[in-house]
């Protein structure tokens, strides 16, 4: 079972990198790409936890979740305000 979760975690990590890269290359959508990429990296961390959890896996998942929350909060605060 851990081999399957390792492959899925690697797929999520790769998909996150591709989402950020493609959003940057296609122009203008880097915020959406960063948000999707971070969500996929959180998924990869949680998949790694489901395999053989140890303290380093827990710390890595917590770090990714913390970074995601900080980045999304910062992106939300710098977003242009909607005008009617």
Protein backbone atom coordinates (compact mmCIF):
# COMPACT_ATOMS: atom_id res chain seq x y z
CA UNK A 1 0.00 0.00 0.00
CA UNK A 2 2.85 2.41 0.69
CA UNK A 3 4.13 2.00 -2.86
CA UNK A 4 0.77 3.16 -4.21
CA UNK A 5 0.62 6.16 -1.88
CA UNK A 6 4.22 7.08 -2.72
CA UNK A 7 3.39 7.08 -6.43
CA UNK A 8 0.24 9.12 -5.82
CA UNK A 9 2.17 11.60 -3.66
CA UNK A 10 4.77 11.98 -6.39
CA UNK A 11 1.98 12.52 -8.95
CA UNK A 12 0.43 15.24 -6.76
CA UNK A 13 3.79 16.95 -6.32
CA UNK A 14 4.44 16.87 -10.07
CA UNK A 15 0.94 18.12 -10.86
CA UNK A 16 1.45 20.98 -8.41
CA UNK A 17 4.69 21.99 -10.09
CA UNK A 18 3.02 21.81 -13.49
CA UNK A 19 0.08 23.92 -12.29
CA UNK A 20 2.36 26.67 -11.03
CA UNK A 21 4.56 26.51 -14.12
CA UNK A 22 1.73 26.51 -16.63
CA UNK A 23 -0.04 29.34 -14.83
CA UNK A 24 3.13 31.42 -14.97
CA UNK A 25 3.83 30.64 -18.63
CA UNK A 26 0.29 31.27 -19.85
CA UNK A 27 0.39 34.66 -18.17
CA UNK A 28 -1.62 36.45 -15.59
CA UNK A 29 -2.97 33.46 -13.67
CA UNK A 30 -0.04 32.81 -11.33
CA UNK A 31 -2.17 33.34 -8.20
CA UNK A 32 -4.60 30.63 -9.21
CA UNK A 33 -1.71 28.36 -10.19
CA UNK A 34 0.02 28.92 -6.85
CA UNK A 35 -3.17 28.14 -4.95
CA UNK A 36 -3.79 24.94 -6.91
CA UNK A 37 -0.13 23.94 -6.63
CA UNK A 38 -0.14 24.42 -2.87
CA UNK A 39 -3.35 22.41 -2.55
CA UNK A 40 -1.77 19.56 -4.49
CA UNK A 41 1.36 19.72 -2.30
CA UNK A 42 -0.84 19.49 0.80
CA UNK A 43 -2.48 16.42 -0.76
CA UNK A 44 0.95 14.90 -1.40
CA UNK A 45 1.97 15.50 2.22
CA UNK A 46 -1.21 13.88 3.51
CA UNK A 47 -0.72 10.91 1.20
CA UNK A 48 2.79 10.46 2.58
CA UNK A 49 1.32 10.50 6.10
CA UNK A 50 -1.04 7.67 5.20
CA UNK A 51 1.87 5.41 4.30
CA UNK A 52 4.31 5.06 7.17
CA UNK A 53 3.85 8.08 9.41
CA UNK A 54 6.86 9.27 11.34
CA UNK A 55 7.80 12.56 12.94
CA UNK A 56 9.52 13.94 9.82
CA UNK A 57 6.45 13.25 7.66
CA UNK A 58 4.21 14.98 10.20
CA UNK A 59 6.58 17.97 10.34
CA UNK A 60 6.73 18.19 6.54
CA UNK A 61 2.94 18.07 6.21
CA UNK A 62 2.54 20.72 8.92
CA UNK A 63 5.11 22.95 7.21
CA UNK A 64 3.37 22.68 3.83
CA UNK A 65 -0.01 23.45 5.39
CA UNK A 66 1.44 26.45 7.25
CA UNK A 67 3.10 27.82 4.11
CA UNK A 68 -0.11 27.29 2.14
CA UNK A 69 -2.19 29.20 4.69
CA UNK A 70 0.32 32.07 4.78
CA UNK A 71 0.62 32.34 1.00
CA UNK A 72 -3.13 32.16 0.40
CA UNK A 73 -3.73 34.79 3.09
CA UNK A 74 -1.11 37.05 1.53
CA UNK A 75 -2.51 36.55 -1.97
CA UNK A 76 -5.99 37.35 -0.69
CA UNK A 77 -4.83 40.56 0.99
CA UNK A 78 -3.05 41.79 -2.14
CA UNK A 79 -5.89 40.98 -4.51
CA UNK A 80 -7.40 44.02 -6.19
CA UNK A 81 -10.68 45.07 -4.65
CA UNK A 82 -13.88 44.55 -6.61
CA UNK A 83 -15.55 47.72 -7.72
CA UNK A 84 -19.22 48.08 -8.55
